[in-house]
Amino acid sequence: MDREVEIRKRQGERLRAARIAAGYRSARDAALSNGWPESSYRAHEGGTRTIGQDDADRYARRFVAAGARVSARDILFGDLDDALTAPAATVPLVGYVGAGAETYFFNGDQGELGRVEAPDGAGPSTVAVEIRGDSLGAFFNNWLVFYDDVRRPITPDLIGRLCIVGLPDDRVLIKKVQRSRTRGLFHLLSQFEPPILDVPVEWAAKVKSMVPK
């Protein structure tokens, strides 16, 4: 294949990958949404027309605004070909958290329930649990909660913070932690459930992030 033809083909493939990463279902959708001439955009993505620097800048700027992680250089030269096509990083879904007796939690000894897309800033120890119930309000039911820095016993920096909390009776809850007047015990608070007062906490971890499932 002629080198120029191959360059256009590879540019078009990278542009298509960037467009998909930005959430546009088709070349037509991307062109119409951004006010680009559809025929020119299709020619670029189809590899029949070379993409210039100005074109790449324009495409990258709009795709980044739509949520893709891509630069004009990526489109032109393929520095991040692998990043555009690689599957999203994932973390283990290890259980459920809730606000009552029917709270189930699966630790590492029992295996994971599946895997979910990792949040920004996830590390090798980050895991996810799913909220079950209305402890934080019905809006958050079935949301995913991520955490990674488990403290045994609970440490002062977690006081007043929203945490995943493990209790001696095997319940695992998502609660705001407050000190009790009784040494070694804590109050566990949530907006829509009665407080759980004066309970021991076996472990706790600050919520890293929360997203809808």
N, C-alpha and C. Protein backbone atom coordinates (compact mmCIF):
# COMPACT_ATOMS: atom_id res chain seq x y z
N MET A 1 0.84 -1.20 0.00
CA MET A 1 0.00 0.00 0.00
C MET A 1 0.88 1.25 0.00
N ASP A 2 0.50 2.25 -0.79
CA ASP A 2 1.22 3.51 -0.83
C ASP A 2 1.28 4.13 0.56
N ARG A 3 2.44 4.70 0.91
CA ARG A 3 2.63 5.23 2.26
C ARG A 3 1.61 6.31 2.59
N GLU A 4 1.31 7.20 1.66
CA GLU A 4 0.34 8.27 1.92
C GLU A 4 -1.05 7.71 2.18
N VAL A 5 -1.39 6.67 1.44
CA VAL A 5 -2.68 6.03 1.65
C VAL A 5 -2.74 5.39 3.04
N GLU A 6 -1.65 4.76 3.45
CA GLU A 6 -1.59 4.13 4.77
C GLU A 6 -1.69 5.17 5.88
N ILE A 7 -1.04 6.32 5.70
CA ILE A 7 -1.12 7.38 6.70
C ILE A 7 -2.56 7.86 6.86
N ARG A 8 -3.24 8.09 5.73
CA ARG A 8 -4.63 8.54 5.79
C ARG A 8 -5.52 7.49 6.47
N LYS A 9 -5.27 6.24 6.14
CA LYS A 9 -6.06 5.15 6.72
C LYS A 9 -5.91 5.11 8.24
N ARG A 10 -4.66 5.22 8.71
CA ARG A 10 -4.41 5.16 10.15
C ARG A 10 -4.97 6.39 10.86
N GLN A 11 -4.86 7.58 10.22
CA GLN A 11 -5.45 8.78 10.80
C GLN A 11 -6.96 8.61 10.94
N GLY A 12 -7.60 8.08 9.90
CA GLY A 12 -9.03 7.87 9.93
C GLY A 12 -9.45 6.91 11.04
N GLU A 13 -8.68 5.85 11.23
CA GLU A 13 -8.98 4.87 12.28
C GLU A 13 -8.87 5.52 13.66
N ARG A 14 -7.83 6.36 13.82
CA ARG A 14 -7.67 7.01 15.13
C ARG A 14 -8.76 8.05 15.37
N LEU A 15 -9.15 8.76 14.31
CA LEU A 15 -10.23 9.74 14.43
C LEU A 15 -11.54 9.04 14.80
N ARG A 16 -11.79 7.90 14.19
CA ARG A 16 -13.01 7.14 14.51
C ARG A 16 -12.99 6.69 15.97
N ALA A 17 -11.84 6.19 16.44
CA ALA A 17 -11.73 5.76 17.83
C ALA A 17 -11.96 6.92 18.78
N ALA A 18 -11.43 8.10 18.45
CA ALA A 18 -11.62 9.28 19.29
C ALA A 18 -13.09 9.71 19.29
N ARG A 19 -13.73 9.63 18.13
CA ARG A 19 -15.14 9.99 18.03
C ARG A 19 -16.01 9.07 18.89
N ILE A 20 -15.73 7.77 18.85
CA ILE A 20 -16.48 6.81 19.66
C ILE A 20 -16.24 7.06 21.15
N ALA A 21 -14.97 7.34 21.51
CA ALA A 21 -14.64 7.63 22.91
C ALA A 21 -15.38 8.87 23.41
N ALA A 22 -15.68 9.80 22.49
CA ALA A 22 -16.39 11.03 22.86
C ALA A 22 -17.90 10.82 22.92
N GLY A 23 -18.37 9.62 22.55
CA GLY A 23 -19.78 9.32 22.69
C GLY A 23 -20.65 9.57 21.47
N TYR A 24 -20.03 9.88 20.33
CA TYR A 24 -20.80 10.08 19.10
C TYR A 24 -21.00 8.74 18.39
N ARG A 25 -22.26 8.41 18.07
CA ARG A 25 -22.56 7.09 17.52
C ARG A 25 -22.15 6.95 16.06
N SER A 26 -22.06 8.04 15.34
CA SER A 26 -21.74 7.96 13.92
C SER A 26 -20.97 9.20 13.49
N ALA A 27 -20.35 9.10 12.31
CA ALA A 27 -19.65 10.25 11.75
C ALA A 27 -20.63 11.40 11.51
N ARG A 28 -21.81 11.06 11.05
CA ARG A 28 -22.84 12.08 10.80
C ARG A 28 -23.21 12.79 12.10
N ASP A 29 -23.39 12.02 13.16
CA ASP A 29 -23.74 12.59 14.47
C ASP A 29 -22.67 13.58 14.92
N ALA A 30 -21.39 13.18 14.80
CA ALA A 30 -20.29 14.06 15.22
C ALA A 30 -20.27 15.34 14.39
N ALA A 31 -20.41 15.20 13.08
CA ALA A 31 -20.34 16.36 12.20
C ALA A 31 -21.49 17.33 12.47
N LEU A 32 -22.70 16.82 12.55
CA LEU A 32 -23.86 17.69 12.75
C LEU A 32 -23.83 18.35 14.12
N SER A 33 -23.39 17.61 15.14
CA SER A 33 -23.37 18.16 16.50
C SER A 33 -22.36 19.28 16.64
N ASN A 34 -21.31 19.26 15.83
CA ASN A 34 -20.23 20.24 15.98
C ASN A 34 -20.15 21.25 14.85
N GLY A 35 -21.08 21.17 13.90
CA GLY A 35 -21.11 22.14 12.81
C GLY A 35 -20.01 21.95 11.79
N TRP A 36 -19.51 20.73 11.64
CA TRP A 36 -18.48 20.44 10.63
C TRP A 36 -19.14 19.99 9.34
N PRO A 37 -18.55 20.32 8.19
CA PRO A 37 -19.08 19.78 6.94
C PRO A 37 -19.04 18.25 6.97
N GLU A 38 -20.20 17.63 6.81
CA GLU A 38 -20.26 16.18 6.95
C GLU A 38 -19.37 15.46 5.94
N SER A 39 -19.35 15.96 4.71
CA SER A 39 -18.55 15.29 3.68
C SER A 39 -17.07 15.32 4.02
N SER A 40 -16.58 16.45 4.57
CA SER A 40 -15.17 16.56 4.93
C SER A 40 -14.84 15.63 6.10
N TYR A 41 -15.73 15.62 7.10
CA TYR A 41 -15.46 14.76 8.25
C TYR A 41 -15.47 13.29 7.83
N ARG A 42 -16.44 12.90 7.01
CA ARG A 42 -16.50 11.51 6.56
C ARG A 42 -15.24 11.13 5.77
N ALA A 43 -14.74 12.06 4.97
CA ALA A 43 -13.53 11.79 4.20
C ALA A 43 -12.33 11.60 5.12
N HIS A 44 -12.26 12.40 6.17
CA HIS A 44 -11.17 12.25 7.14
C HIS A 44 -11.28 10.91 7.88
N GLU A 45 -12.47 10.61 8.39
CA GLU A 45 -12.62 9.36 9.14
C GLU A 45 -12.51 8.15 8.23
N GLY A 46 -12.92 8.28 6.98
CA GLY A 46 -12.84 7.17 6.03
C GLY A 46 -11.46 6.97 5.44
N GLY A 47 -10.55 7.88 5.73
CA GLY A 47 -9.18 7.72 5.26
C GLY A 47 -8.96 8.09 3.81
N THR A 48 -9.89 8.86 3.22
CA THR A 48 -9.72 9.26 1.82
C THR A 48 -9.17 10.68 1.69
N ARG A 49 -9.00 11.35 2.82
CA ARG A 49 -8.46 12.70 2.81
C ARG A 49 -7.54 12.87 4.01
N THR A 50 -6.36 13.43 3.80
CA THR A 50 -5.39 13.61 4.88
C THR A 50 -5.90 14.64 5.89
N ILE A 51 -5.71 14.33 7.16
CA ILE A 51 -6.11 15.25 8.23
C ILE A 51 -4.96 16.21 8.51
N GLY A 52 -5.22 17.50 8.40
CA GLY A 52 -4.20 18.49 8.67
C GLY A 52 -4.17 18.88 10.14
N GLN A 53 -3.19 19.70 10.51
CA GLN A 53 -3.04 20.10 11.91
C GLN A 53 -4.26 20.86 12.41
N ASP A 54 -4.78 21.79 11.59
CA ASP A 54 -5.95 22.57 12.02
C ASP A 54 -7.16 21.66 12.22
N ASP A 55 -7.32 20.70 11.31
CA ASP A 55 -8.44 19.76 11.45
C ASP A 55 -8.30 18.96 12.74
N ALA A 56 -7.10 18.43 12.98
CA ALA A 56 -6.87 17.61 14.18
C ALA A 56 -7.09 18.42 15.44
N ASP A 57 -6.64 19.66 15.45
CA ASP A 57 -6.86 20.53 16.61
C ASP A 57 -8.35 20.71 16.87
N ARG A 58 -9.10 20.97 15.80
CA ARG A 58 -10.54 21.20 15.93
C ARG A 58 -11.25 19.94 16.44
N TYR A 59 -10.92 18.80 15.87
CA TYR A 59 -11.57 17.56 16.30
C TYR A 59 -11.22 17.22 17.75
N ALA A 60 -9.95 17.33 18.08
CA ALA A 60 -9.52 16.97 19.44
C ALA A 60 -10.17 17.88 20.47
N ARG A 61 -10.25 19.17 20.17
CA ARG A 61 -10.84 20.12 21.11
C ARG A 61 -12.29 19.77 21.41
N ARG A 62 -13.06 19.42 20.40
CA ARG A 62 -14.47 19.09 20.61
C ARG A 62 -14.64 17.73 21.27
N PHE A 63 -13.80 16.77 20.92
CA PHE A 63 -13.92 15.43 21.51
C PHE A 63 -13.51 15.46 22.98
N VAL A 64 -12.50 16.26 23.31
CA VAL A 64 -12.12 16.41 24.72
C VAL A 64 -13.27 17.03 25.50
N ALA A 65 -13.92 18.03 24.93
CA ALA A 65 -15.06 18.67 25.61
C ALA A 65 -16.19 17.68 25.84
N ALA A 66 -16.27 16.65 24.98
CA ALA A 66 -17.32 15.65 25.12
C ALA A 66 -16.90 14.49 26.02
N GLY A 67 -15.67 14.53 26.54
CA GLY A 67 -15.25 13.52 27.51
C GLY A 67 -14.17 12.56 27.06
N ALA A 68 -13.70 12.67 25.82
CA ALA A 68 -12.63 11.77 25.36
C ALA A 68 -11.27 12.29 25.83
N ARG A 69 -10.35 11.38 26.02
CA ARG A 69 -8.97 11.75 26.37
C ARG A 69 -8.12 11.56 25.13
N VAL A 70 -8.00 12.61 24.35
CA VAL A 70 -7.31 12.53 23.06
C VAL A 70 -6.73 13.90 22.74
N SER A 71 -5.64 13.92 22.02
CA SER A 71 -5.03 15.18 21.57
C SER A 71 -4.93 15.17 20.06
N ALA A 72 -4.65 16.34 19.50
CA ALA A 72 -4.45 16.42 18.05
C ALA A 72 -3.29 15.52 17.62
N ARG A 73 -2.26 15.45 18.44
CA ARG A 73 -1.11 14.59 18.11
C ARG A 73 -1.51 13.12 18.07
N ASP A 74 -2.39 12.73 18.97
CA ASP A 74 -2.87 11.35 18.96
C ASP A 74 -3.52 11.01 17.62
N ILE A 75 -4.36 11.93 17.14
CA ILE A 75 -5.06 11.70 15.88
C ILE A 75 -4.09 11.67 14.70
N LEU A 76 -3.14 12.59 14.71
CA LEU A 76 -2.22 12.69 13.57
C LEU A 76 -1.16 11.60 13.54
N PHE A 77 -0.62 11.28 14.72
CA PHE A 77 0.56 10.42 14.74
C PHE A 77 0.40 9.13 15.53
N GLY A 78 -0.72 8.99 16.24
CA GLY A 78 -0.98 7.72 16.90
C GLY A 78 -0.14 7.43 18.12
N ASP A 79 0.29 8.48 18.84
CA ASP A 79 1.10 8.25 20.03
C ASP A 79 0.34 7.43 21.07
N LEU A 80 -0.99 7.56 21.07
CA LEU A 80 -1.79 6.87 22.08
C LEU A 80 -2.79 5.91 21.43
N ASP A 81 -2.39 5.25 20.35
CA ASP A 81 -3.28 4.28 19.71
C ASP A 81 -3.82 3.27 20.70
N ASP A 82 -2.93 2.75 21.53
CA ASP A 82 -3.34 1.72 22.48
C ASP A 82 -4.33 2.28 23.49
N ALA A 83 -4.10 3.52 23.92
CA ALA A 83 -4.98 4.11 24.93
C ALA A 83 -6.39 4.33 24.39
N LEU A 84 -6.48 4.64 23.08
CA LEU A 84 -7.79 4.89 22.50
C LEU A 84 -8.61 3.61 22.41
N THR A 85 -7.96 2.49 22.19
CA THR A 85 -8.68 1.25 21.95
C THR A 85 -8.67 0.30 23.13
N ALA A 86 -7.88 0.61 24.17
CA ALA A 86 -7.77 -0.32 25.31
C ALA A 86 -9.06 -0.33 26.11
N PRO A 87 -9.43 -1.48 26.66
CA PRO A 87 -10.62 -1.53 27.51
C PRO A 87 -10.43 -0.71 28.78
N ALA A 88 -11.53 -0.23 29.33
CA ALA A 88 -11.46 0.58 30.54
C ALA A 88 -10.93 -0.24 31.71
N ALA A 89 -10.15 0.40 32.57
CA ALA A 89 -9.66 -0.28 33.77
C ALA A 89 -10.84 -0.59 34.68
N THR A 90 -10.74 -1.70 35.40
CA THR A 90 -11.82 -2.12 36.28
C THR A 90 -11.29 -2.41 37.68
N VAL A 91 -12.21 -2.46 38.65
CA VAL A 91 -11.89 -2.84 40.02
C VAL A 91 -12.93 -3.87 40.47
N PRO A 92 -12.62 -4.67 41.50
CA PRO A 92 -13.58 -5.68 41.95
C PRO A 92 -14.80 -5.06 42.62
N LEU A 93 -15.98 -5.63 42.36
CA LEU A 93 -17.18 -5.35 43.13
C LEU A 93 -17.24 -6.41 44.22
N VAL A 94 -17.05 -6.00 45.48
CA VAL A 94 -16.85 -6.98 46.55
C VAL A 94 -18.07 -7.16 47.45
N GLY A 95 -19.13 -6.40 47.25
CA GLY A 95 -20.28 -6.61 48.11
C GLY A 95 -21.28 -5.48 48.05
N TYR A 96 -22.17 -5.48 49.05
CA TYR A 96 -23.21 -4.48 49.15
C TYR A 96 -23.11 -3.78 50.50
N VAL A 97 -23.52 -2.53 50.53
CA VAL A 97 -23.63 -1.81 51.79
C VAL A 97 -25.05 -1.29 51.92
N GLY A 98 -25.53 -1.17 53.17
CA GLY A 98 -26.90 -0.72 53.36
C GLY A 98 -27.10 -0.07 54.71
N ALA A 99 -28.36 -0.15 55.19
CA ALA A 99 -28.69 0.55 56.43
C ALA A 99 -29.46 -0.32 57.40
N GLY A 100 -29.59 -1.62 57.14
CA GLY A 100 -30.37 -2.45 58.03
C GLY A 100 -29.77 -3.83 58.18
N ALA A 101 -30.55 -4.73 58.77
CA ALA A 101 -30.05 -6.08 59.04
C ALA A 101 -29.83 -6.87 57.76
N GLU A 102 -30.53 -6.52 56.68
CA GLU A 102 -30.40 -7.27 55.44
C GLU A 102 -29.30 -6.69 54.58
N THR A 103 -28.16 -6.49 55.17
CA THR A 103 -27.00 -6.00 54.46
C THR A 103 -26.02 -7.15 54.26
N TYR A 104 -25.66 -7.39 53.03
CA TYR A 104 -24.77 -8.49 52.72
C TYR A 104 -23.43 -7.94 52.26
N PHE A 105 -22.39 -8.60 52.67
CA PHE A 105 -21.06 -8.17 52.28
C PHE A 105 -20.22 -9.40 51.97
N PHE A 106 -19.50 -9.35 50.88
CA PHE A 106 -18.65 -10.46 50.48
C PHE A 106 -17.22 -9.99 50.52
N ASN A 107 -16.39 -10.64 51.35
CA ASN A 107 -15.00 -10.22 51.41
C ASN A 107 -14.19 -11.02 50.41
N GLY A 108 -12.90 -10.76 50.37
CA GLY A 108 -12.04 -11.38 49.38
C GLY A 108 -12.00 -12.89 49.46
N ASP A 109 -12.24 -13.47 50.65
CA ASP A 109 -12.21 -14.92 50.80
C ASP A 109 -13.34 -15.58 50.04
N GLN A 110 -14.42 -14.85 49.82
CA GLN A 110 -15.57 -15.41 49.13
C GLN A 110 -15.57 -15.07 47.65
N GLY A 111 -14.57 -14.37 47.21
CA GLY A 111 -14.51 -13.99 45.81
C GLY A 111 -15.23 -12.68 45.56
N GLU A 112 -15.12 -12.19 44.34
CA GLU A 112 -15.76 -10.94 43.98
C GLU A 112 -17.06 -11.21 43.23
N LEU A 113 -17.94 -10.22 43.23
CA LEU A 113 -19.23 -10.35 42.57
C LEU A 113 -19.15 -10.01 41.09
N GLY A 114 -18.07 -9.43 40.69
CA GLY A 114 -17.89 -8.98 39.32
C GLY A 114 -16.88 -7.85 39.31
N ARG A 115 -16.83 -7.14 38.20
CA ARG A 115 -15.92 -6.00 38.10
C ARG A 115 -16.67 -4.83 37.51
N VAL A 116 -16.28 -3.62 37.93
CA VAL A 116 -16.90 -2.40 37.46
C VAL A 116 -15.81 -1.44 37.03
N GLU A 117 -16.19 -0.46 36.22
CA GLU A 117 -15.20 0.49 35.71
C GLU A 117 -14.57 1.28 36.85
N ALA A 118 -13.26 1.39 36.81
CA ALA A 118 -12.53 2.06 37.88
C ALA A 118 -12.75 3.58 37.83
N PRO A 119 -12.82 4.23 39.00
CA PRO A 119 -12.93 5.69 39.02
C PRO A 119 -11.57 6.32 38.77
N ASP A 120 -11.55 7.61 38.51
CA ASP A 120 -10.28 8.34 38.39
C ASP A 120 -9.52 8.22 39.71
N GLY A 121 -8.22 8.00 39.61
CA GLY A 121 -7.39 7.92 40.81
C GLY A 121 -7.40 6.57 41.49
N ALA A 122 -8.02 5.57 40.85
CA ALA A 122 -8.06 4.23 41.46
C ALA A 122 -6.66 3.64 41.54
N GLY A 123 -6.40 2.92 42.62
CA GLY A 123 -5.12 2.25 42.81
C GLY A 123 -5.31 0.75 42.85
N PRO A 124 -4.24 0.00 43.08
CA PRO A 124 -4.33 -1.47 43.09
C PRO A 124 -5.22 -2.03 44.18
N SER A 125 -5.46 -1.27 45.26
CA SER A 125 -6.29 -1.78 46.35
C SER A 125 -7.72 -1.24 46.32
N THR A 126 -8.07 -0.43 45.32
CA THR A 126 -9.42 0.12 45.24
C THR A 126 -10.44 -0.96 44.94
N VAL A 127 -11.55 -0.96 45.68
CA VAL A 127 -12.65 -1.89 45.43
C VAL A 127 -13.95 -1.10 45.44
N ALA A 128 -15.03 -1.76 45.01
CA ALA A 128 -16.34 -1.12 44.96
C ALA A 128 -17.35 -1.95 45.72
N VAL A 129 -18.33 -1.27 46.30
CA VAL A 129 -19.51 -1.91 46.87
C VAL A 129 -20.73 -1.19 46.31
N GLU A 130 -21.86 -1.87 46.35
CA GLU A 130 -23.10 -1.29 45.83
C GLU A 130 -24.04 -0.95 46.97
N ILE A 131 -24.60 0.26 46.94
CA ILE A 131 -25.55 0.68 47.96
C ILE A 131 -26.87 -0.05 47.74
N ARG A 132 -27.39 -0.64 48.81
CA ARG A 132 -28.71 -1.26 48.80
C ARG A 132 -29.54 -0.62 49.90
N GLY A 133 -30.63 0.06 49.53
CA GLY A 133 -31.48 0.69 50.53
C GLY A 133 -31.43 2.20 50.46
N ASP A 134 -32.13 2.83 51.38
CA ASP A 134 -32.36 4.28 51.33
C ASP A 134 -31.62 5.04 52.42
N SER A 135 -30.53 4.49 52.93
CA SER A 135 -29.79 5.16 54.00
C SER A 135 -29.37 6.57 53.60
N LEU A 136 -29.01 6.76 52.32
CA LEU A 136 -28.62 8.08 51.84
C LEU A 136 -29.72 8.72 51.01
N GLY A 137 -30.91 8.13 51.03
CA GLY A 137 -32.00 8.59 50.18
C GLY A 137 -32.17 7.66 49.00
N ALA A 138 -33.39 7.58 48.48
CA ALA A 138 -33.69 6.65 47.39
C ALA A 138 -32.86 6.94 46.15
N PHE A 139 -32.44 8.18 45.98
CA PHE A 139 -31.67 8.56 44.80
C PHE A 139 -30.39 7.73 44.68
N PHE A 140 -29.79 7.37 45.82
CA PHE A 140 -28.49 6.70 45.80
C PHE A 140 -28.60 5.18 45.83
N ASN A 141 -29.81 4.64 45.85
CA ASN A 141 -29.96 3.19 45.83
C ASN A 141 -29.33 2.62 44.56
N ASN A 142 -28.49 1.61 44.72
CA ASN A 142 -27.78 0.94 43.62
C ASN A 142 -26.59 1.74 43.08
N TRP A 143 -26.22 2.83 43.72
CA TRP A 143 -24.99 3.51 43.31
C TRP A 143 -23.79 2.67 43.73
N LEU A 144 -22.67 2.90 43.05
CA LEU A 144 -21.41 2.25 43.40
C LEU A 144 -20.58 3.19 44.27
N VAL A 145 -19.98 2.61 45.31
CA VAL A 145 -19.12 3.36 46.22
C VAL A 145 -17.73 2.74 46.17
N PHE A 146 -16.72 3.57 46.03
CA PHE A 146 -15.34 3.09 45.91
C PHE A 146 -14.53 3.49 47.15
N TYR A 147 -13.68 2.58 47.60
CA TYR A 147 -12.80 2.87 48.73
C TYR A 147 -11.55 2.01 48.61
N ASP A 148 -10.50 2.36 49.36
CA ASP A 148 -9.29 1.55 49.28
C ASP A 148 -8.42 1.58 50.53
N ASP A 149 -8.59 2.53 51.40
CA ASP A 149 -7.69 2.66 52.55
C ASP A 149 -8.42 2.25 53.82
N VAL A 150 -8.45 0.95 54.10
CA VAL A 150 -9.19 0.42 55.24
C VAL A 150 -8.39 0.63 56.53
N ARG A 151 -9.05 1.16 57.57
CA ARG A 151 -8.40 1.41 58.86
C ARG A 151 -8.94 0.45 59.92
N ARG A 152 -8.04 -0.27 60.56
CA ARG A 152 -8.38 -1.16 61.68
C ARG A 152 -7.41 -0.87 62.81
N PRO A 153 -7.82 -0.22 63.89
CA PRO A 153 -9.15 0.32 64.15
C PRO A 153 -9.36 1.64 63.43
N ILE A 154 -10.52 2.23 63.62
CA ILE A 154 -10.83 3.51 63.01
C ILE A 154 -9.85 4.57 63.50
N THR A 155 -9.48 5.50 62.63
CA THR A 155 -8.50 6.54 62.97
C THR A 155 -9.17 7.91 63.03
N PRO A 156 -8.58 8.88 63.75
CA PRO A 156 -9.23 10.17 63.96
C PRO A 156 -9.59 10.91 62.68
N ASP A 157 -8.83 10.73 61.60
CA ASP A 157 -9.12 11.48 60.38
C ASP A 157 -10.42 11.05 59.70
N LEU A 158 -11.02 9.94 60.15
CA LEU A 158 -12.29 9.49 59.57
C LEU A 158 -13.49 10.07 60.29
N ILE A 159 -13.28 10.70 61.44
CA ILE A 159 -14.38 11.29 62.19
C ILE A 159 -15.00 12.45 61.39
N GLY A 160 -16.31 12.41 61.26
CA GLY A 160 -17.01 13.43 60.50
C GLY A 160 -17.04 13.18 59.01
N ARG A 161 -16.48 12.05 58.56
CA ARG A 161 -16.42 11.73 57.13
C ARG A 161 -17.41 10.62 56.78
N LEU A 162 -17.85 10.61 55.53
CA LEU A 162 -18.69 9.53 55.04
C LEU A 162 -17.80 8.32 54.78
N CYS A 163 -18.13 7.20 55.41
CA CYS A 163 -17.26 6.03 55.37
C CYS A 163 -18.03 4.75 55.10
N ILE A 164 -17.33 3.76 54.60
CA ILE A 164 -17.79 2.38 54.65
C ILE A 164 -17.36 1.85 56.01
N VAL A 165 -18.32 1.30 56.77
CA VAL A 165 -18.07 0.94 58.16
C VAL A 165 -18.43 -0.53 58.38
N GLY A 166 -17.49 -1.30 58.95
CA GLY A 166 -17.75 -2.68 59.29
C GLY A 166 -17.98 -2.84 60.78
N LEU A 167 -19.11 -3.48 61.16
CA LEU A 167 -19.48 -3.65 62.56
C LEU A 167 -19.23 -5.08 63.03
N PRO A 168 -19.13 -5.29 64.34
CA PRO A 168 -18.87 -6.64 64.86
C PRO A 168 -19.95 -7.66 64.49
N ASP A 169 -21.19 -7.21 64.23
CA ASP A 169 -22.26 -8.15 63.87
C ASP A 169 -22.29 -8.45 62.38
N ASP A 170 -21.20 -8.08 61.67
CA ASP A 170 -21.01 -8.36 60.24
C ASP A 170 -21.79 -7.44 59.31
N ARG A 171 -22.51 -6.46 59.86
CA ARG A 171 -23.11 -5.48 58.97
C ARG A 171 -22.02 -4.58 58.39
N VAL A 172 -22.22 -4.18 57.15
CA VAL A 172 -21.34 -3.22 56.49
C VAL A 172 -22.21 -2.10 55.97
N LEU A 173 -22.00 -0.90 56.51
CA LEU A 173 -22.88 0.23 56.25
C LEU A 173 -22.11 1.38 55.65
N ILE A 174 -22.84 2.30 55.03
CA ILE A 174 -22.25 3.55 54.59
C ILE A 174 -22.84 4.65 55.47
N LYS A 175 -21.99 5.24 56.31
CA LYS A 175 -22.45 6.17 57.33
C LYS A 175 -21.42 7.28 57.56
N LYS A 176 -21.90 8.39 58.08
CA LYS A 176 -21.02 9.42 58.60
C LYS A 176 -20.66 9.06 60.03
N VAL A 177 -19.38 9.08 60.35
CA VAL A 177 -18.90 8.61 61.65
C VAL A 177 -18.71 9.79 62.61
N GLN A 178 -19.25 9.64 63.82
CA GLN A 178 -19.01 10.62 64.89
C GLN A 178 -18.55 9.90 66.14
N ARG A 179 -17.79 10.60 66.97
CA ARG A 179 -17.36 10.03 68.24
C ARG A 179 -18.53 9.93 69.21
N SER A 180 -18.51 8.90 70.02
CA SER A 180 -19.43 8.79 71.16
C SER A 180 -18.73 9.34 72.39
N ARG A 181 -19.51 9.64 73.43
CA ARG A 181 -18.89 10.03 74.70
C ARG A 181 -18.27 8.83 75.39
N THR A 182 -18.65 7.64 74.95
CA THR A 182 -18.10 6.42 75.53
C THR A 182 -16.86 6.03 74.75
N ARG A 183 -15.76 5.90 75.43
CA ARG A 183 -14.50 5.60 74.78
C ARG A 183 -14.59 4.30 73.98
N GLY A 184 -14.11 4.33 72.76
CA GLY A 184 -14.10 3.15 71.90
C GLY A 184 -15.38 2.90 71.13
N LEU A 185 -16.41 3.73 71.34
CA LEU A 185 -17.67 3.59 70.62
C LEU A 185 -17.91 4.80 69.73
N PHE A 186 -18.82 4.63 68.76
CA PHE A 186 -19.06 5.68 67.77
C PHE A 186 -20.56 5.79 67.48
N HIS A 187 -20.94 6.96 66.97
CA HIS A 187 -22.27 7.16 66.42
C HIS A 187 -22.17 7.09 64.90
N LEU A 188 -23.13 6.44 64.26
CA LEU A 188 -23.17 6.31 62.81
C LEU A 188 -24.42 6.99 62.29
N LEU A 189 -24.23 8.01 61.44
CA LEU A 189 -25.33 8.88 61.03
C LEU A 189 -25.59 8.79 59.54
N SER A 190 -26.87 8.96 59.18
CA SER A 190 -27.25 9.12 57.77
C SER A 190 -28.46 10.03 57.72
N GLN A 191 -28.75 10.54 56.52
CA GLN A 191 -29.76 11.60 56.40
C GLN A 191 -31.17 11.07 56.58
N PHE A 192 -31.44 9.84 56.15
CA PHE A 192 -32.81 9.37 56.09
C PHE A 192 -33.09 8.17 57.00
N GLU A 193 -32.14 7.80 57.84
CA GLU A 193 -32.33 6.68 58.76
C GLU A 193 -32.03 7.15 60.18
N PRO A 194 -32.62 6.53 61.20
CA PRO A 194 -32.27 6.88 62.58
C PRO A 194 -30.80 6.62 62.84
N PRO A 195 -30.16 7.41 63.69
CA PRO A 195 -28.74 7.18 63.97
C PRO A 195 -28.54 5.87 64.71
N ILE A 196 -27.39 5.27 64.49
CA ILE A 196 -26.97 4.10 65.25
C ILE A 196 -25.98 4.61 66.29
N LEU A 197 -26.34 4.51 67.55
CA LEU A 197 -25.58 5.18 68.60
C LEU A 197 -24.75 4.19 69.41
N ASP A 198 -23.59 4.66 69.81
CA ASP A 198 -22.74 3.94 70.77
C ASP A 198 -22.45 2.50 70.34
N VAL A 199 -21.84 2.37 69.15
CA VAL A 199 -21.50 1.03 68.66
C VAL A 199 -19.99 0.95 68.43
N PRO A 200 -19.42 -0.24 68.61
CA PRO A 200 -18.01 -0.43 68.25
C PRO A 200 -17.89 -0.55 66.73
N VAL A 201 -16.78 -0.12 66.20
CA VAL A 201 -16.50 -0.22 64.76
C VAL A 201 -15.24 -1.05 64.58
N GLU A 202 -15.35 -2.14 63.83
CA GLU A 202 -14.19 -3.00 63.61
C GLU A 202 -13.24 -2.41 62.57
N TRP A 203 -13.80 -1.81 61.52
CA TRP A 203 -12.96 -1.19 60.50
C TRP A 203 -13.77 -0.12 59.78
N ALA A 204 -13.08 0.76 59.12
CA ALA A 204 -13.74 1.82 58.36
C ALA A 204 -12.81 2.28 57.24
N ALA A 205 -13.41 2.81 56.20
CA ALA A 205 -12.64 3.35 55.07
C ALA A 205 -13.40 4.55 54.51
N LYS A 206 -12.70 5.63 54.28
CA LYS A 206 -13.33 6.83 53.72
C LYS A 206 -13.81 6.55 52.30
N VAL A 207 -15.00 7.02 51.99
CA VAL A 207 -15.52 6.89 50.63
C VAL A 207 -14.65 7.68 49.68
N LYS A 208 -14.18 7.01 48.63
CA LYS A 208 -13.28 7.65 47.66
C LYS A 208 -14.09 8.38 46.58
N SER A 209 -15.14 7.72 46.10
CA SER A 209 -16.03 8.33 45.13
C SER A 209 -17.30 7.52 45.04
N MET A 210 -18.34 8.12 44.47
CA MET A 210 -19.63 7.45 44.28
C MET A 210 -20.14 7.76 42.88
N VAL A 211 -20.67 6.75 42.20
CA VAL A 211 -21.21 6.95 40.87
C VAL A 211 -22.45 6.08 40.70
N PRO A 212 -23.41 6.48 39.87
CA PRO A 212 -24.56 5.61 39.59
C PRO A 212 -24.11 4.37 38.84
N LYS A 213 -24.73 3.25 39.16
CA LYS A 213 -24.36 2.00 38.50
C LYS A 213 -24.92 1.97 37.08
